[in-house]
Amino acid sequence: MEWIGVAGIVVGLVFFVIAAMKGWNVLVTSIVTAIIIAITNGMDIAAAMVGNESSYVTGLAGFVQKNIFIFLGGAILGEFMDKSGAAKSIAHAIMGKVGSKGAYLVLLGIAAVGAILTYAGISMFVAMFALIPLARPMFKECNIPWHLFCAAWTLGACSFTMAMIPGVPAVAWINAANGCGVSMTAAPIMGIVGSIIAIVVSCLYIKFALKRAQAKGEVYEVTEADAIEQQDDKKIPNLFVSLLPLIVLIAVIIGGSIVGIANIVYIAMIIAVVLSMILFASYIPSQRDVMGNGAKNALGPVLFTSAAVGVGTVAAAAVGFQVIQGAIFNMPGGTYVSAATLSAVLGGVMGSGSGAVGIIATNFLDPYLATGVDPAALAKIIATAATIGGALPNSGAMFGMLAAMGLNHGNSYKHIAAISIGAGMCALVVMILMATVGII
């Protein structure tokens, strides 16, 4: 029965991945996947789906309960940054300094914009939509192939700011830190070293990719997107005003974590949103609409991510998963390697690093913590590995990001693989070695 259960889990998750890649609704496919797992593992379907313990509904509801205000705060803050023009102001300032001084500097400027905004918890889509209209003319002037925008953007938005760098208010890191009972600035040395490695390796790759494209004679190709008028005379806030809510957000998180204030990320989000309401009041037509649209924007991501956690909760209660978990838990390399493997596998299967961490924090942390490893190191490794796994081709975020850029997996996923996965793995290996010798 155990091996039938294992096969059922594999079949269910393969269906879940394929359905996600074909664009099926995640909520619907997650329910079907959970039912497949329940049937093949001899579980009571009603109990597995709507029971009071370890069911699809309890997993989904539990994730929403723990994370709704993070998604809500981030989405509302992102809406203020977008509608006020603050995100565009930051992009203007950085890209204005870079100008057309060189193709490589243009790419690094894009990465810098992405890193600043996503480090403050702003949606990568909000930041990206503000930057693309500014980037296209520069790419055209420097004759940079447009697919390299994906490489630069991946470094800024889909790399070290997803979990590695200390204090980042990213869902994956928040769940890992809360699950392990550590602060938002836990494992600072590991986080800083990992971030530096990811940045250096990624910059080397971007330089290599640029030279290779130039050697192949690739150029910027004019598309319909270039024909769209990008002129906008709307008044936007200056750079200092635009950055102030983000600076305050990070400062409160780091300061509050140092002095041990509980739930500091929620407090920081509220302060940043209120500050945005005050600072950007004259730049937006309706505070009510911005708040309302931000709240609506939060619902889809939190529901779809929690649906993946619901599937994971059913899988975790299945007899077949005990076989899988036992094999991973007892694999060579120790607790950190095992935890990283489980996180990356779940991140890849679910197509979501935050969803994978949600599953692990709810169902699998206790055996790892019981081994006596450092909770801060464990949290950092789990979050980092999950976001690496979440960058596989089936990730819904990758589909949305590439579509927004006017690119596709065929011409651009190689950059995501090299930076999010390749550079991320380089950083993760070093972080595991550091944790093993006690440099946290």
Protein backbone atom coordinates (compact mmCIF):
# COMPACT_ATOMS: atom_id res chain seq x y z
CA MET A 1 0.00 0.00 0.00
CA GLU A 2 2.88 2.34 0.80
CA TRP A 3 4.32 2.16 -2.73
CA ILE A 4 0.89 2.61 -4.28
CA GLY A 5 0.63 5.69 -2.09
CA VAL A 6 4.02 6.93 -3.29
CA ALA A 7 2.94 6.40 -6.90
CA GLY A 8 -0.30 8.25 -6.20
CA ILE A 9 1.54 11.23 -4.78
CA VAL A 10 3.86 11.31 -7.79
CA VAL A 11 0.95 11.03 -10.26
CA GLY A 12 -1.03 13.70 -8.43
CA LEU A 13 1.84 16.15 -8.31
CA VAL A 14 2.79 15.52 -11.94
CA PHE A 15 -0.79 16.34 -12.85
CA PHE A 16 -0.61 19.48 -10.70
CA VAL A 17 2.60 20.64 -12.42
CA ILE A 18 1.36 19.92 -15.96
CA ALA A 19 -1.98 21.59 -15.27
CA ALA A 20 -0.20 24.69 -13.93
CA MET A 21 2.03 24.84 -17.01
CA LYS A 22 -1.04 24.64 -19.26
CA GLY A 23 -2.67 27.51 -17.42
CA TRP A 24 -5.42 25.67 -15.57
CA ASN A 25 -6.87 27.31 -12.48
CA VAL A 26 -4.60 26.49 -9.53
CA LEU A 27 -7.44 26.27 -6.99
CA VAL A 28 -9.35 23.71 -9.05
CA THR A 29 -6.31 21.60 -9.92
CA SER A 30 -5.13 21.63 -6.31
CA ILE A 31 -8.44 20.11 -5.21
CA VAL A 32 -8.21 17.39 -7.88
CA THR A 33 -4.60 16.69 -6.90
CA ALA A 34 -5.50 16.36 -3.23
CA ILE A 35 -8.31 13.91 -4.09
CA ILE A 36 -5.94 11.80 -6.23
CA ILE A 37 -3.47 11.61 -3.34
CA ALA A 38 -6.20 10.75 -0.84
CA ILE A 39 -7.68 7.95 -2.98
CA THR A 40 -4.35 6.28 -3.79
CA ASN A 41 -3.27 6.40 -0.15
CA GLY A 42 -6.46 4.82 1.21
CA MET A 43 -7.50 7.98 3.04
CA ASP A 44 -11.05 8.98 3.89
CA ILE A 45 -11.72 11.55 1.18
CA ALA A 46 -14.05 13.70 3.27
CA ALA A 47 -11.61 13.77 6.18
CA ALA A 48 -8.67 14.49 3.87
CA MET A 49 -10.44 17.37 2.18
CA VAL A 50 -12.53 19.05 4.89
CA GLY A 51 -11.55 17.35 8.15
CA ASN A 52 -10.52 19.25 11.25
CA GLU A 53 -6.94 17.97 11.23
CA SER A 54 -4.33 17.64 8.47
CA SER A 55 -6.83 18.23 5.68
CA TYR A 56 -6.79 20.31 2.49
CA VAL A 57 -9.02 22.93 4.09
CA THR A 58 -7.01 23.21 7.32
CA GLY A 59 -3.78 23.56 5.35
CA LEU A 60 -5.26 26.22 3.08
CA ALA A 61 -6.93 28.12 5.92
CA GLY A 62 -3.86 27.89 8.14
CA PHE A 63 -1.63 29.47 5.50
CA VAL A 64 -4.16 32.25 4.87
CA GLN A 65 -4.45 32.89 8.60
CA LYS A 66 -0.68 33.25 9.01
CA ASN A 67 0.06 35.20 5.84
CA ILE A 68 -2.96 37.23 4.72
CA PHE A 69 -1.65 40.45 6.26
CA ILE A 70 1.77 40.02 4.66
CA PHE A 71 0.22 39.62 1.21
CA LEU A 72 -2.26 42.41 1.95
CA GLY A 73 0.34 44.86 3.22
CA GLY A 74 2.75 44.15 0.39
CA ALA A 75 0.05 44.48 -2.26
CA ILE A 76 -1.32 47.76 -0.87
CA LEU A 77 2.17 49.23 -0.50
CA GLY A 78 2.94 48.10 -4.04
CA GLU A 79 -0.22 49.77 -5.32
CA PHE A 80 0.76 53.05 -3.66
CA MET A 81 4.24 52.81 -5.19
CA ASP A 82 2.73 52.10 -8.59
CA LYS A 83 -0.14 54.58 -8.78
CA SER A 84 1.80 57.46 -7.20
CA GLY A 85 4.66 57.03 -9.65
CA ALA A 86 7.15 56.34 -6.81
CA ALA A 87 8.37 53.09 -8.39
CA LYS A 88 8.87 54.93 -11.69
CA SER A 89 10.73 57.73 -9.88
CA ILE A 90 13.19 55.24 -8.38
CA ALA A 91 13.65 53.55 -11.76
CA HIS A 92 14.15 56.95 -13.45
CA ALA A 93 16.82 57.98 -10.94
CA ILE A 94 18.88 54.79 -11.23
CA MET A 95 18.56 54.36 -14.97
CA GLY A 96 19.25 58.10 -15.44
CA LYS A 97 22.62 57.65 -13.72
CA VAL A 98 23.39 54.64 -15.91
CA GLY A 99 22.10 56.26 -19.09
CA SER A 100 23.71 54.63 -22.12
CA LYS A 101 27.20 54.47 -20.69
CA GLY A 102 27.49 50.85 -21.74
CA ALA A 103 25.40 47.74 -22.23
CA TYR A 104 26.72 46.02 -19.10
CA LEU A 105 25.99 49.06 -16.89
CA VAL A 106 22.44 49.26 -18.26
CA LEU A 107 21.89 45.63 -17.25
CA LEU A 108 23.34 46.22 -13.77
CA GLY A 109 21.11 49.29 -13.39
CA ILE A 110 18.04 47.18 -14.08
CA ALA A 111 19.20 44.64 -11.49
CA ALA A 112 19.69 47.46 -8.95
CA VAL A 113 16.14 48.77 -9.44
CA GLY A 114 14.70 45.29 -9.01
CA ALA A 115 16.77 44.62 -5.89
CA ILE A 116 15.83 47.89 -4.16
CA LEU A 117 12.11 47.47 -4.74
CA THR A 118 11.81 43.73 -4.03
CA TYR A 119 14.01 44.00 -0.92
CA ALA A 120 11.31 46.30 0.43
CA GLY A 121 8.61 43.72 -0.31
CA ILE A 122 7.26 45.40 -3.47
CA SER A 123 5.80 42.99 -6.01
CA MET A 124 8.26 42.24 -8.78
CA PHE A 125 5.46 42.90 -11.28
CA VAL A 126 4.87 46.43 -9.97
CA ALA A 127 8.59 47.18 -10.20
CA MET A 128 8.93 45.53 -13.60
CA PHE A 129 6.03 47.43 -15.19
CA ALA A 130 7.58 50.70 -13.98
CA LEU A 131 10.97 49.81 -15.44
CA ILE A 132 10.22 48.22 -18.83
CA PRO A 133 9.18 51.49 -20.57
CA LEU A 134 12.44 53.10 -19.38
CA ALA A 135 14.58 50.11 -20.32
CA ARG A 136 13.44 49.64 -23.91
CA PRO A 137 14.88 52.93 -25.27
CA MET A 138 18.20 52.21 -23.52
CA PHE A 139 18.33 48.69 -24.91
CA LYS A 140 17.58 50.09 -28.34
CA GLU A 141 20.27 52.76 -28.09
CA CYS A 142 22.90 50.31 -26.81
CA ASN A 143 21.66 47.59 -29.19
CA ILE A 144 21.20 45.05 -26.38
CA PRO A 145 19.12 41.94 -27.22
CA TRP A 146 15.88 42.27 -25.25
CA HIS A 147 16.08 38.74 -23.78
CA LEU A 148 18.97 39.96 -21.60
CA PHE A 149 16.47 42.12 -19.72
CA CYS A 150 15.31 38.84 -18.19
CA ALA A 151 18.83 38.08 -16.95
CA ALA A 152 19.23 41.48 -15.28
CA TRP A 153 15.74 41.42 -13.81
CA THR A 154 16.18 37.91 -12.44
CA LEU A 155 19.26 39.01 -10.51
CA GLY A 156 17.40 41.95 -8.98
CA ALA A 157 14.03 40.38 -8.26
CA CYS A 158 14.33 36.57 -8.27
CA SER A 159 17.59 35.89 -6.50
CA PHE A 160 19.08 37.06 -3.19
CA THR A 161 16.09 39.28 -2.24
CA MET A 162 13.77 36.27 -2.11
CA ALA A 163 15.18 34.85 1.14
CA MET A 164 18.93 35.27 1.59
CA ILE A 165 19.48 38.91 2.51
CA PRO A 166 18.75 39.70 6.20
CA GLY A 167 15.45 41.36 7.06
CA VAL A 168 13.72 40.92 3.70
CA PRO A 169 9.91 40.84 4.17
CA ALA A 170 9.44 38.01 1.67
CA VAL A 171 6.76 35.40 2.39
CA ALA A 172 9.15 32.45 2.11
CA TRP A 173 11.58 33.93 4.64
CA ILE A 174 8.83 35.12 7.00
CA ASN A 175 7.30 31.64 7.15
CA ALA A 176 10.66 29.94 7.62
CA ALA A 177 11.70 32.36 10.37
CA ASN A 178 8.37 32.11 12.18
CA GLY A 179 8.32 28.32 11.85
CA CYS A 180 11.79 28.00 13.38
CA GLY A 181 11.07 30.63 16.02
CA VAL A 182 13.79 33.08 14.95
CA SER A 183 13.84 36.79 14.09
CA MET A 184 13.69 38.38 10.65
CA THR A 185 17.40 39.18 10.83
CA ALA A 186 18.43 35.66 11.92
CA ALA A 187 21.56 34.08 10.40
CA PRO A 188 22.93 37.44 9.19
CA ILE A 189 26.42 36.23 8.27
CA MET A 190 25.05 33.35 6.21
CA GLY A 191 22.56 35.67 4.54
CA ILE A 192 25.12 38.35 3.66
CA VAL A 193 27.72 35.88 2.39
CA GLY A 194 25.10 33.99 0.38
CA SER A 195 23.82 37.25 -1.12
CA ILE A 196 27.33 38.33 -2.13
CA ILE A 197 28.02 34.98 -3.79
CA ALA A 198 24.69 35.05 -5.66
CA ILE A 199 25.35 38.62 -6.85
CA VAL A 200 28.93 37.97 -7.97
CA VAL A 201 28.12 34.74 -9.81
CA SER A 202 25.08 36.36 -11.43
CA CYS A 203 27.06 39.41 -12.55
CA LEU A 204 29.68 37.16 -14.11
CA TYR A 205 26.95 35.25 -15.91
CA ILE A 206 25.29 38.43 -17.19
CA LYS A 207 28.64 39.64 -18.57
CA PHE A 208 29.18 36.24 -20.21
CA ALA A 209 25.65 36.20 -21.67
CA LEU A 210 26.08 39.73 -23.02
CA LYS A 211 29.41 38.90 -24.70
CA ARG A 212 28.01 35.70 -26.14
CA ALA A 213 24.99 37.51 -27.57
CA GLN A 214 27.21 40.18 -29.09
CA ALA A 215 29.54 37.55 -30.55
CA LYS A 216 26.54 35.84 -32.18
CA GLY A 217 25.51 39.15 -33.73
CA GLU A 218 22.31 39.47 -31.70
CA VAL A 219 20.79 42.94 -31.66
CA TYR A 220 17.80 44.78 -30.25
CA GLU A 221 14.75 43.98 -32.36
CA VAL A 222 12.02 46.59 -32.57
CA THR A 223 8.58 45.19 -31.65
CA GLU A 224 5.04 46.48 -31.24
CA ALA A 225 5.91 47.41 -27.67
CA ASP A 226 8.29 50.09 -28.97
CA ALA A 227 5.51 51.68 -30.97
CA ILE A 228 3.42 52.35 -27.87
CA GLU A 229 3.73 55.93 -26.71
CA GLN A 230 5.52 55.97 -23.39
CA GLN A 231 5.25 59.67 -22.69
CA ASP A 232 3.57 60.49 -19.44
CA ASP A 233 3.44 64.01 -18.06
CA LYS A 234 2.02 62.91 -14.72
CA LYS A 235 3.72 64.50 -11.73
CA ILE A 236 5.64 61.94 -9.67
CA PRO A 237 7.37 62.20 -6.27
CA ASN A 238 11.10 62.87 -6.05
CA LEU A 239 13.58 60.12 -5.26
CA PHE A 240 13.81 60.78 -1.51
CA VAL A 241 10.05 60.80 -0.99
CA SER A 242 9.70 57.69 -3.17
CA LEU A 243 12.31 55.76 -1.18
CA LEU A 244 11.26 56.90 2.30
CA PRO A 245 8.45 54.32 2.92
CA LEU A 246 10.78 51.53 1.76
CA ILE A 247 13.66 52.74 3.92
CA VAL A 248 11.37 53.01 6.95
CA LEU A 249 9.95 49.53 6.28
CA ILE A 250 13.37 47.85 6.26
CA ALA A 251 14.69 49.97 9.15
CA VAL A 252 11.72 49.04 11.36
CA ILE A 253 12.06 45.33 10.51
CA ILE A 254 15.79 45.27 11.24
CA GLY A 255 15.58 47.48 14.33
CA GLY A 256 12.57 45.64 15.72
CA SER A 257 14.19 42.26 15.12
CA ILE A 258 17.35 43.32 16.96
CA VAL A 259 15.40 44.36 20.06
CA GLY A 260 13.13 41.30 19.87
CA ILE A 261 9.74 42.84 19.04
CA ALA A 262 7.26 40.12 18.10
CA ASN A 263 5.47 40.26 14.72
CA ILE A 264 7.64 43.20 13.69
CA VAL A 265 7.00 42.64 9.99
CA TYR A 266 3.29 43.39 10.45
CA ILE A 267 4.07 46.57 12.36
CA ALA A 268 6.56 47.64 9.70
CA MET A 269 4.04 47.04 6.90
CA ILE A 270 1.39 49.17 8.65
CA ILE A 271 3.86 52.01 9.21
CA ALA A 272 5.02 51.90 5.58
CA VAL A 273 1.45 51.91 4.25
CA VAL A 274 0.37 54.80 6.50
CA LEU A 275 3.50 56.74 5.53
CA SER A 276 2.74 56.11 1.84
CA MET A 277 -0.80 57.41 2.32
CA ILE A 278 0.61 60.64 3.72
CA LEU A 279 3.56 61.15 1.37
CA PHE A 280 1.79 60.15 -1.85
CA ALA A 281 -1.58 61.82 -1.13
CA SER A 282 -1.08 64.51 -3.76
CA TYR A 283 0.08 62.04 -6.42
CA ILE A 284 -2.91 59.69 -6.49
CA PRO A 285 -6.51 60.53 -7.44
CA SER A 286 -8.18 58.29 -4.85
CA GLN A 287 -6.75 56.73 -1.70
CA ARG A 288 -9.86 54.57 -1.47
CA ASP A 289 -9.29 53.07 -4.92
CA VAL A 290 -5.61 52.42 -4.26
CA MET A 291 -6.38 50.65 -0.99
CA GLY A 292 -9.19 48.66 -2.61
CA ASN A 293 -7.19 47.62 -5.65
CA GLY A 294 -4.23 46.67 -3.48
CA ALA A 295 -6.47 44.47 -1.34
CA LYS A 296 -7.92 42.79 -4.44
CA ASN A 297 -4.44 42.22 -5.81
CA ALA A 298 -3.52 40.32 -2.65
CA LEU A 299 -6.35 37.81 -2.87
CA GLY A 300 -5.20 35.83 -5.91
CA PRO A 301 -1.60 35.21 -4.77
CA VAL A 302 -2.53 34.30 -1.20
CA LEU A 303 -5.33 31.95 -2.30
CA PHE A 304 -3.29 30.18 -4.96
CA THR A 305 -0.28 29.78 -2.68
CA SER A 306 -2.46 28.49 0.15
CA ALA A 307 -4.07 26.02 -2.27
CA ALA A 308 -0.62 24.52 -2.88
CA VAL A 309 -0.13 24.32 0.88
CA GLY A 310 -3.48 22.51 1.13
CA VAL A 311 -2.21 19.86 -1.29
CA GLY A 312 0.98 19.56 0.71
CA THR A 313 -0.98 19.09 3.93
CA VAL A 314 -2.90 16.15 2.43
CA ALA A 315 0.31 14.69 1.02
CA ALA A 316 2.05 15.04 4.38
CA ALA A 317 -0.66 12.96 6.06
CA ALA A 318 -0.48 10.22 3.41
CA VAL A 319 1.27 6.92 4.12
CA GLY A 320 3.16 7.19 0.84
CA PHE A 321 4.80 10.43 1.87
CA GLN A 322 6.23 8.83 4.98
CA VAL A 323 8.35 6.70 2.65
CA ILE A 324 9.50 9.75 0.69
CA GLN A 325 10.15 11.81 3.80
CA GLY A 326 12.08 8.96 5.43
CA ALA A 327 14.32 8.59 2.38
CA ILE A 328 15.08 12.33 2.27
CA PHE A 329 15.47 12.69 6.04
CA ASN A 330 17.99 9.82 6.21
CA MET A 331 19.96 10.77 3.10
CA PRO A 332 23.74 11.31 3.42
CA GLY A 333 24.99 14.81 4.17
CA GLY A 334 23.26 15.62 7.43
CA THR A 335 20.23 17.60 8.53
CA TYR A 336 20.93 20.76 6.54
CA VAL A 337 21.40 18.87 3.26
CA SER A 338 18.25 16.87 3.91
CA ALA A 339 16.21 19.99 4.72
CA ALA A 340 17.54 21.78 1.64
CA THR A 341 16.66 18.81 -0.56
CA LEU A 342 13.13 18.53 0.78
CA SER A 343 12.60 22.29 0.38
CA ALA A 344 13.92 22.38 -3.18
CA VAL A 345 11.86 19.34 -4.20
CA LEU A 346 8.66 20.79 -2.78
CA GLY A 347 9.43 24.21 -4.25
CA GLY A 348 9.89 22.63 -7.67
CA VAL A 349 6.83 20.43 -7.46
CA MET A 350 4.57 23.23 -6.26
CA GLY A 351 6.12 25.85 -8.52
CA SER A 352 6.22 28.15 -5.49
CA GLY A 353 8.98 28.72 -2.96
CA SER A 354 6.64 30.41 -0.49
CA GLY A 355 4.13 27.58 -0.86
CA ALA A 356 6.86 25.00 -0.20
CA VAL A 357 8.02 26.79 2.94
CA GLY A 358 4.42 27.01 4.09
CA ILE A 359 4.09 23.23 3.74
CA ILE A 360 7.37 22.56 5.55
CA ALA A 361 6.67 25.02 8.37
CA THR A 362 3.28 23.39 8.95
CA ASN A 363 4.24 19.73 8.63
CA PHE A 364 7.96 18.89 8.61
CA LEU A 365 9.99 21.20 10.84
CA ASP A 366 9.81 19.30 14.11
CA PRO A 367 11.97 16.29 13.07
CA TYR A 368 14.68 18.64 11.79
CA LEU A 369 14.62 20.89 14.84
CA ALA A 370 14.74 17.80 17.06
CA THR A 371 18.19 16.94 15.66
CA GLY A 372 19.61 19.96 17.51
CA VAL A 373 20.63 22.05 14.51
CA ASP A 374 20.68 25.83 14.76
CA PRO A 375 17.11 27.08 14.10
CA ALA A 376 18.32 30.28 12.41
CA ALA A 377 20.58 28.38 10.01
CA LEU A 378 17.81 25.87 9.30
CA ALA A 379 15.32 28.65 8.52
CA LYS A 380 17.74 30.39 6.13
CA ILE A 381 18.59 27.14 4.31
CA ILE A 382 14.96 26.03 3.99
CA ALA A 383 13.79 29.39 2.61
CA THR A 384 16.71 29.70 0.19
CA ALA A 385 16.40 26.13 -1.12
CA ALA A 386 12.62 26.43 -1.55
CA THR A 387 12.93 29.61 -3.63
CA ILE A 388 15.56 27.93 -5.80
CA GLY A 389 13.21 25.00 -6.42
CA GLY A 390 10.38 27.45 -7.06
CA ALA A 391 12.27 28.84 -10.05
CA LEU A 392 11.79 25.69 -12.16
CA PRO A 393 9.98 26.08 -15.51
CA ASN A 394 6.56 25.16 -14.11
CA SER A 395 6.47 28.17 -11.78
CA GLY A 396 3.41 30.32 -12.37
CA ALA A 397 5.41 33.43 -11.48
CA MET A 398 7.89 32.63 -14.25
CA PHE A 399 5.10 32.35 -16.83
CA GLY A 400 3.66 35.70 -15.75
CA MET A 401 7.03 37.43 -15.61
CA LEU A 402 8.14 36.28 -19.07
CA ALA A 403 4.77 37.15 -20.59
CA ALA A 404 4.95 40.67 -19.15
CA MET A 405 8.40 41.10 -20.70
CA GLY A 406 7.23 39.88 -24.10
CA LEU A 407 9.56 36.88 -23.83
CA ASN A 408 9.13 33.13 -23.46
CA HIS A 409 10.77 30.06 -21.96
CA GLY A 410 12.53 29.24 -25.23
CA ASN A 411 14.51 32.46 -25.52
CA SER A 412 14.87 33.51 -21.88
CA TYR A 413 14.41 30.75 -19.30
CA LYS A 414 18.12 29.92 -19.59
CA HIS A 415 18.84 33.20 -17.79
CA ILE A 416 16.45 32.36 -14.96
CA ALA A 417 18.02 28.90 -14.63
CA ALA A 418 21.54 30.32 -14.54
CA ILE A 419 20.79 33.01 -11.95
CA SER A 420 17.89 31.86 -9.75
CA ILE A 421 19.00 28.22 -9.75
CA GLY A 422 22.69 28.17 -10.72
CA ALA A 423 23.93 31.18 -8.74
CA GLY A 424 21.45 30.33 -5.99
CA MET A 425 22.88 26.83 -5.66
CA CYS A 426 26.42 28.24 -5.40
CA ALA A 427 25.26 30.42 -2.52
CA LEU A 428 23.27 27.61 -0.90
CA VAL A 429 26.22 25.19 -0.87
CA VAL A 430 28.41 27.75 0.87
CA MET A 431 25.62 28.57 3.34
CA ILE A 432 25.23 24.90 4.22
CA LEU A 433 28.98 24.58 4.79
CA MET A 434 28.91 27.69 7.00
CA ALA A 435 26.00 26.32 9.03
CA THR A 436 27.78 22.99 9.43
CA VAL A 437 30.85 24.64 10.99
CA GLY A 438 28.76 27.05 13.07
CA ILE A 439 29.25 30.31 11.17
CA ILE A 440 25.69 31.61 11.33
